Amino acid sequence: MEKYTLPVVIEKDEHGYFAMCPALQGCYSQGDTYEETLENIKDAIHLHIEDILESGETIEKINSFSFVALEVTA
């Protein structure tokens, strides 16, 4: 089994936590606590990767990624 290092973004809002994996389109999860959300996104990533590989597609390896907090005035 191959290991993947993927970026994950976790945000807190009034309802709990929301997580997404930008490298896997449509891979999202949520939870009541940070820890629960982290476990949930790990499960979602695992299932997402299984689906991709079963369909014969490949997963690009991410060599680097960055996170930037960008302030925009609108």
PDB file of N, CA and C in Angstrom:
ATOM      1  N   MET A   1       0.846  -1.175   0.000  1.00  0.00           N
ATOM      2  CA  MET A   1       0.000   0.000   0.000  1.00  0.00           C
ATOM      3  C   MET A   1       0.891   1.238   0.000  1.00  0.00           C
ATOM      4  N   GLU A   2       0.576   2.170  -0.880  1.00  0.00           N
ATOM      5  CA  GLU A   2       1.376   3.379  -1.024  1.00  0.00           C
ATOM      6  C   GLU A   2       0.930   4.456  -0.034  1.00  0.00           C
ATOM      7  N   LYS A   3       1.892   5.237   0.436  1.00  0.00           N
ATOM      8  CA  LYS A   3       1.579   6.344   1.342  1.00  0.00           C
ATOM      9  C   LYS A   3       1.541   7.643   0.554  1.00  0.00           C
ATOM     10  N   TYR A   4       0.604   8.498   0.924  1.00  0.00           N
ATOM     11  CA  TYR A   4       0.451   9.798   0.287  1.00  0.00           C
ATOM     12  C   TYR A   4       0.517  10.884   1.354  1.00  0.00           C
ATOM     13  N   THR A   5       1.194  11.974   1.042  1.00  0.00           N
ATOM     14  CA  THR A   5       1.190  13.158   1.893  1.00  0.00           C
ATOM     15  C   THR A   5       0.367  14.204   1.163  1.00  0.00           C
ATOM     16  N   LEU A   6      -0.745  14.583   1.763  1.00  0.00           N
ATOM     17  CA  LEU A   6      -1.687  15.480   1.107  1.00  0.00           C
ATOM     18  C   LEU A   6      -2.014  16.670   2.005  1.00  0.00           C
ATOM     19  N   PRO A   7      -2.215  17.836   1.411  1.00  0.00           N
ATOM     20  CA  PRO A   7      -2.606  18.997   2.216  1.00  0.00           C
ATOM     21  C   PRO A   7      -4.055  18.872   2.668  1.00  0.00           C
ATOM     22  N   VAL A   8      -4.324  19.311   3.874  1.00  0.00           N
ATOM     23  CA  VAL A   8      -5.678  19.327   4.428  1.00  0.00           C
ATOM     24  C   VAL A   8      -5.894  20.690   5.078  1.00  0.00           C
ATOM     25  N   VAL A   9      -7.060  21.271   4.837  1.00  0.00           N
ATOM     26  CA  VAL A   9      -7.438  22.542   5.449  1.00  0.00           C
ATOM     27  C   VAL A   9      -8.584  22.263   6.411  1.00  0.00           C
ATOM     28  N   ILE A  10      -8.436  22.710   7.655  1.00  0.00           N
ATOM     29  CA  ILE A  10      -9.495  22.547   8.653  1.00  0.00           C
ATOM     30  C   ILE A  10      -9.884  23.936   9.151  1.00  0.00           C
ATOM     31  N   GLU A  11     -11.182  24.220   9.066  1.00  0.00           N
ATOM     32  CA  GLU A  11     -11.706  25.513   9.506  1.00  0.00           C
ATOM     33  C   GLU A  11     -12.722  25.304  10.614  1.00  0.00           C
ATOM     34  N   LYS A  12     -12.735  26.234  11.567  1.00  0.00           N
ATOM     35  CA  LYS A  12     -13.716  26.189  12.658  1.00  0.00           C
ATOM     36  C   LYS A  12     -14.793  27.221  12.370  1.00  0.00           C
ATOM     37  N   ASP A  13     -16.049  26.810  12.575  1.00  0.00           N
ATOM     38  CA  ASP A  13     -17.147  27.760  12.482  1.00  0.00           C
ATOM     39  C   ASP A  13     -18.102  27.533  13.647  1.00  0.00           C
ATOM     40  N   GLU A  14     -19.262  28.184  13.629  1.00  0.00           N
ATOM     41  CA  GLU A  14     -20.183  28.094  14.765  1.00  0.00           C
ATOM     42  C   GLU A  14     -20.803  26.712  14.934  1.00  0.00           C
ATOM     43  N   HIS A  15     -20.698  25.854  13.928  1.00  0.00           N
ATOM     44  CA  HIS A  15     -21.294  24.514  13.989  1.00  0.00           C
ATOM     45  C   HIS A  15     -20.280  23.413  14.290  1.00  0.00           C
ATOM     46  N   GLY A  16     -19.006  23.740  14.366  1.00  0.00           N
ATOM     47  CA  GLY A  16     -17.967  22.736  14.591  1.00  0.00           C
ATOM     48  C   GLY A  16     -16.802  22.984  13.657  1.00  0.00           C
ATOM     49  N   TYR A  17     -16.327  21.927  13.023  1.00  0.00           N
ATOM     50  CA  TYR A  17     -15.161  22.021  12.154  1.00  0.00           C
ATOM     51  C   TYR A  17     -15.489  21.450  10.779  1.00  0.00           C
ATOM     52  N   PHE A  18     -14.842  22.001   9.766  1.00  0.00           N
ATOM     53  CA  PHE A  18     -15.017  21.590   8.383  1.00  0.00           C
ATOM     54  C   PHE A  18     -13.630  21.336   7.814  1.00  0.00           C
ATOM     55  N   ALA A  19     -13.448  20.229   7.096  1.00  0.00           N
ATOM     56  CA  ALA A  19     -12.142  19.899   6.527  1.00  0.00           C
ATOM     57  C   ALA A  19     -12.276  19.597   5.044  1.00  0.00           C
ATOM     58  N   MET A  20     -11.225  19.937   4.299  1.00  0.00           N
ATOM     59  CA  MET A  20     -11.174  19.591   2.886  1.00  0.00           C
ATOM     60  C   MET A  20      -9.748  19.266   2.488  1.00  0.00           C
ATOM     61  N   CYS A  21      -9.636  18.422   1.482  1.00  0.00           N
ATOM     62  CA  CYS A  21      -8.334  18.075   0.921  1.00  0.00           C
ATOM     63  C   CYS A  21      -8.283  18.667  -0.484  1.00  0.00           C
ATOM     64  N   PRO A  22      -7.607  19.811  -0.668  1.00  0.00           N
ATOM     65  CA  PRO A  22      -7.604  20.475  -1.969  1.00  0.00           C
ATOM     66  C   PRO A  22      -7.015  19.634  -3.099  1.00  0.00           C
ATOM     67  N   ALA A  23      -6.184  18.665  -2.777  1.00  0.00           N
ATOM     68  CA  ALA A  23      -5.563  17.829  -3.805  1.00  0.00           C
ATOM     69  C   ALA A  23      -6.526  16.790  -4.370  1.00  0.00           C
ATOM     70  N   LEU A  24      -7.622  16.525  -3.655  1.00  0.00           N
ATOM     71  CA  LEU A  24      -8.604  15.534  -4.093  1.00  0.00           C
ATOM     72  C   LEU A  24      -9.950  16.234  -4.236  1.00  0.00           C
ATOM     73  N   GLN A  25     -10.292  16.590  -5.445  1.00  0.00           N
ATOM     74  CA  GLN A  25     -11.516  17.347  -5.700  1.00  0.00           C
ATOM     75  C   GLN A  25     -12.732  16.640  -5.109  1.00  0.00           C
ATOM     76  N   GLY A  26     -13.508  17.380  -4.329  1.00  0.00           N
ATOM     77  CA  GLY A  26     -14.727  16.834  -3.735  1.00  0.00           C
ATOM     78  C   GLY A  26     -14.516  16.070  -2.448  1.00  0.00           C
ATOM     79  N   CYS A  27     -13.316  16.121  -1.883  1.00  0.00           N
ATOM     80  CA  CYS A  27     -13.016  15.386  -0.649  1.00  0.00           C
ATOM     81  C   CYS A  27     -13.175  16.328   0.544  1.00  0.00           C
ATOM     82  N   TYR A  28     -14.305  16.182   1.243  1.00  0.00           N
ATOM     83  CA  TYR A  28     -14.652  17.039   2.375  1.00  0.00           C
ATOM     84  C   TYR A  28     -15.100  16.194   3.553  1.00  0.00           C
ATOM     85  N   SER A  29     -15.068  16.777   4.741  1.00  0.00           N
ATOM     86  CA  SER A  29     -15.621  16.129   5.923  1.00  0.00           C
ATOM     87  C   SER A  29     -15.886  17.195   6.977  1.00  0.00           C
ATOM     88  N   GLN A  30     -16.438  16.762   8.101  1.00  0.00           N
ATOM     89  CA  GLN A  30     -16.726  17.688   9.197  1.00  0.00           C
ATOM     90  C   GLN A  30     -16.730  16.927  10.508  1.00  0.00           C
ATOM     91  N   GLY A  31     -16.826  17.662  11.603  1.00  0.00           N
ATOM     92  CA  GLY A  31     -16.890  17.049  12.918  1.00  0.00           C
ATOM     93  C   GLY A  31     -17.167  18.084  13.988  1.00  0.00           C
ATOM     94  N   ASP A  32     -17.481  17.594  15.174  1.00  0.00           N
ATOM     95  CA  ASP A  32     -17.759  18.487  16.298  1.00  0.00           C
ATOM     96  C   ASP A  32     -16.486  19.013  16.944  1.00  0.00           C
ATOM     97  N   THR A  33     -15.406  18.222  16.897  1.00  0.00           N
ATOM     98  CA  THR A  33     -14.127  18.633  17.473  1.00  0.00           C
ATOM     99  C   THR A  33     -13.048  18.579  16.394  1.00  0.00           C
ATOM    100  N   TYR A  34     -11.925  19.219  16.665  1.00  0.00           N
ATOM    101  CA  TYR A  34     -10.800  19.195  15.731  1.00  0.00           C
ATOM    102  C   TYR A  34     -10.333  17.761  15.508  1.00  0.00           C
ATOM    103  N   GLU A  35     -10.204  17.014  16.599  1.00  0.00           N
ATOM    104  CA  GLU A  35      -9.711  15.641  16.513  1.00  0.00           C
ATOM    105  C   GLU A  35     -10.659  14.755  15.708  1.00  0.00           C
ATOM    106  N   GLU A  36     -11.969  14.907  15.956  1.00  0.00           N
ATOM    107  CA  GLU A  36     -12.958  14.124  15.210  1.00  0.00           C
ATOM    108  C   GLU A  36     -12.904  14.475  13.720  1.00  0.00           C
ATOM    109  N   THR A  37     -12.759  15.756  13.431  1.00  0.00           N
ATOM    110  CA  THR A  37     -12.692  16.204  12.043  1.00  0.00           C
ATOM    111  C   THR A  37     -11.455  15.656  11.354  1.00  0.00           C
ATOM    112  N   LEU A  38     -10.334  15.630  12.053  1.00  0.00           N
ATOM    113  CA  LEU A  38      -9.104  15.085  11.492  1.00  0.00           C
ATOM    114  C   LEU A  38      -9.269  13.602  11.168  1.00  0.00           C
ATOM    115  N   GLU A  39      -9.865  12.838  12.066  1.00  0.00           N
ATOM    116  CA  GLU A  39     -10.117  11.417  11.799  1.00  0.00           C
ATOM    117  C   GLU A  39     -11.094  11.245  10.637  1.00  0.00           C
ATOM    118  N   ASN A  40     -12.125  12.079  10.596  1.00  0.00           N
ATOM    119  CA  ASN A  40     -13.117  11.982   9.524  1.00  0.00           C
ATOM    120  C   ASN A  40     -12.520  12.294   8.157  1.00  0.00           C
ATOM    121  N   ILE A  41     -11.640  13.302   8.078  1.00  0.00           N
ATOM    122  CA  ILE A  41     -11.043  13.630   6.782  1.00  0.00           C
ATOM    123  C   ILE A  41     -10.057  12.543   6.374  1.00  0.00           C
ATOM    124  N   LYS A  42      -9.376  11.916   7.339  1.00  0.00           N
ATOM    125  CA  LYS A  42      -8.502  10.780   7.005  1.00  0.00           C
ATOM    126  C   LYS A  42      -9.316   9.662   6.370  1.00  0.00           C
ATOM    127  N   ASP A  43     -10.473   9.357   6.954  1.00  0.00           N
ATOM    128  CA  ASP A  43     -11.352   8.324   6.391  1.00  0.00           C
ATOM    129  C   ASP A  43     -11.833   8.721   4.999  1.00  0.00           C
ATOM    130  N   ALA A  44     -12.227   9.983   4.842  1.00  0.00           N
ATOM    131  CA  ALA A  44     -12.711  10.458   3.547  1.00  0.00           C
ATOM    132  C   ALA A  44     -11.612  10.379   2.486  1.00  0.00           C
ATOM    133  N   ILE A  45     -10.390  10.747   2.856  1.00  0.00           N
ATOM    134  CA  ILE A  45      -9.260  10.673   1.926  1.00  0.00           C
ATOM    135  C   ILE A  45      -9.011   9.226   1.528  1.00  0.00           C
ATOM    136  N   HIS A  46      -9.013   8.328   2.500  1.00  0.00           N
ATOM    137  CA  HIS A  46      -8.791   6.905   2.221  1.00  0.00           C
ATOM    138  C   HIS A  46      -9.818   6.390   1.213  1.00  0.00           C
ATOM    139  N   LEU A  47     -11.095   6.681   1.440  1.00  0.00           N
ATOM    140  CA  LEU A  47     -12.152   6.231   0.535  1.00  0.00           C
ATOM    141  C   LEU A  47     -12.024   6.884  -0.840  1.00  0.00           C
ATOM    142  N   HIS A  48     -11.663   8.150  -0.853  1.00  0.00           N
ATOM    143  CA  HIS A  48     -11.497   8.877  -2.111  1.00  0.00           C
ATOM    144  C   HIS A  48     -10.367   8.254  -2.936  1.00  0.00           C
ATOM    145  N   ILE A  49      -9.245   7.964  -2.284  1.00  0.00           N
ATOM    146  CA  ILE A  49      -8.107   7.349  -2.972  1.00  0.00           C
ATOM    147  C   ILE A  49      -8.487   5.970  -3.497  1.00  0.00           C
ATOM    148  N   GLU A  50      -9.187   5.162  -2.691  1.00  0.00           N
ATOM    149  CA  GLU A  50      -9.632   3.842  -3.149  1.00  0.00           C
ATOM    150  C   GLU A  50     -10.470   3.959  -4.415  1.00  0.00           C
ATOM    151  N   ASP A  51     -11.418   4.895  -4.434  1.00  0.00           N
ATOM    152  CA  ASP A  51     -12.278   5.088  -5.606  1.00  0.00           C
ATOM    153  C   ASP A  51     -11.468   5.491  -6.837  1.00  0.00           C
ATOM    154  N   ILE A  52     -10.515   6.390  -6.653  1.00  0.00           N
ATOM    155  CA  ILE A  52      -9.687   6.849  -7.768  1.00  0.00           C
ATOM    156  C   ILE A  52      -8.891   5.687  -8.347  1.00  0.00           C
ATOM    157  N   LEU A  53      -8.247   4.912  -7.482  1.00  0.00           N
ATOM    158  CA  LEU A  53      -7.417   3.803  -7.942  1.00  0.00           C
ATOM    159  C   LEU A  53      -8.251   2.698  -8.572  1.00  0.00           C
ATOM    160  N   GLU A  54      -9.432   2.412  -8.012  1.00  0.00           N
ATOM    161  CA  GLU A  54     -10.303   1.383  -8.573  1.00  0.00           C
ATOM    162  C   GLU A  54     -10.801   1.755  -9.964  1.00  0.00           C
ATOM    163  N   SER A  55     -10.901   3.042 -10.242  1.00  0.00           N
ATOM    164  CA  SER A  55     -11.364   3.478 -11.560  1.00  0.00           C
ATOM    165  C   SER A  55     -10.220   3.537 -12.575  1.00  0.00           C
ATOM    166  N   GLY A  56      -9.009   3.158 -12.135  1.00  0.00           N
ATOM    167  CA  GLY A  56      -7.866   3.112 -13.035  1.00  0.00           C
ATOM    168  C   GLY A  56      -7.119   4.421 -13.171  1.00  0.00           C
ATOM    169  N   GLU A  57      -7.532   5.422 -12.429  1.00  0.00           N
ATOM    170  CA  GLU A  57      -6.839   6.706 -12.469  1.00  0.00           C
ATOM    171  C   GLU A  57      -5.623   6.668 -11.552  1.00  0.00           C
ATOM    172  N   THR A  58      -4.771   7.658 -11.697  1.00  0.00           N
ATOM    173  CA  THR A  58      -3.603   7.761 -10.822  1.00  0.00           C
ATOM    174  C   THR A  58      -3.736   9.006  -9.949  1.00  0.00           C
ATOM    175  N   ILE A  59      -2.975   9.018  -8.892  1.00  0.00           N
ATOM    176  CA  ILE A  59      -2.959  10.154  -7.972  1.00  0.00           C
ATOM    177  C   ILE A  59      -1.595  10.813  -8.079  1.00  0.00           C
ATOM    178  N   GLU A  60      -1.608  12.094  -8.413  1.00  0.00           N
ATOM    179  CA  GLU A  60      -0.350  12.821  -8.522  1.00  0.00           C
ATOM    180  C   GLU A  60       0.266  13.012  -7.147  1.00  0.00           C
ATOM    181  N   LYS A  61       1.572  12.790  -7.075  1.00  0.00           N
ATOM    182  CA  LYS A  61       2.276  13.044  -5.817  1.00  0.00           C
ATOM    183  C   LYS A  61       2.485  14.548  -5.670  1.00  0.00           C
ATOM    184  N   ILE A  62       2.237  15.037  -4.481  1.00  0.00           N
ATOM    185  CA  ILE A  62       2.418  16.455  -4.178  1.00  0.00           C
ATOM    186  C   ILE A  62       3.821  16.616  -3.599  1.00  0.00           C
ATOM    187  N   ASN A  63       4.645  17.404  -4.267  1.00  0.00           N
ATOM    188  CA  ASN A  63       6.009  17.617  -3.782  1.00  0.00           C
ATOM    189  C   ASN A  63       6.091  18.758  -2.783  1.00  0.00           C
ATOM    190  N   SER A  64       5.244  19.754  -2.965  1.00  0.00           N
ATOM    191  CA  SER A  64       5.233  20.865  -2.022  1.00  0.00           C
ATOM    192  C   SER A  64       3.878  21.554  -2.094  1.00  0.00           C
ATOM    193  N   PHE A  65       3.533  22.215  -1.016  1.00  0.00           N
ATOM    194  CA  PHE A  65       2.310  22.999  -0.984  1.00  0.00           C
ATOM    195  C   PHE A  65       2.501  24.112   0.032  1.00  0.00           C
ATOM    196  N   SER A  66       1.717  25.160  -0.110  1.00  0.00           N
ATOM    197  CA  SER A  66       1.806  26.263   0.839  1.00  0.00           C
ATOM    198  C   SER A  66       0.401  26.709   1.206  1.00  0.00           C
ATOM    199  N   PHE A  67       0.296  27.304   2.354  1.00  0.00           N
ATOM    200  CA  PHE A  67      -0.966  27.839   2.835  1.00  0.00           C
ATOM    201  C   PHE A  67      -0.749  29.314   3.109  1.00  0.00           C
ATOM    202  N   VAL A  68      -1.620  30.130   2.556  1.00  0.00           N
ATOM    203  CA  VAL A  68      -1.490  31.569   2.713  1.00  0.00           C
ATOM    204  C   VAL A  68      -2.818  32.128   3.193  1.00  0.00           C
ATOM    205  N   ALA A  69      -2.786  32.966   4.213  1.00  0.00           N
ATOM    206  CA  ALA A  69      -3.973  33.697   4.639  1.00  0.00           C
ATOM    207  C   ALA A  69      -3.963  35.016   3.879  1.00  0.00           C
ATOM    208  N   LEU A  70      -4.930  35.183   2.994  1.00  0.00           N
ATOM    209  CA  LEU A  70      -4.968  36.338   2.113  1.00  0.00           C
ATOM    210  C   LEU A  70      -6.104  37.263   2.523  1.00  0.00           C
ATOM    211  N   GLU A  71      -5.776  38.504   2.804  1.00  0.00           N
ATOM    212  CA  GLU A  71      -6.793  39.491   3.172  1.00  0.00           C
ATOM    213  C   GLU A  71      -7.223  40.252   1.930  1.00  0.00           C
ATOM    214  N   VAL A  72      -8.534  40.299   1.694  1.00  0.00           N
ATOM    215  CA  VAL A  72      -9.084  40.968   0.517  1.00  0.00           C
ATOM    216  C   VAL A  72     -10.152  41.954   0.965  1.00  0.00           C
ATOM    217  N   THR A  73     -10.111  43.150   0.441  1.00  0.00           N
ATOM    218  CA  THR A  73     -11.138  44.142   0.726  1.00  0.00           C
ATOM    219  C   THR A  73     -12.111  44.177  -0.444  1.00  0.00           C
ATOM    220  N   ALA A  74     -13.399  44.053  -0.127  1.00  0.00           N
ATOM    221  CA  ALA A  74     -14.406  44.068  -1.200  1.00  0.00           C
ATOM    222  C   ALA A  74     -15.538  45.000  -0.839  1.00  0.00           C
TER     223      ALA A  74
END
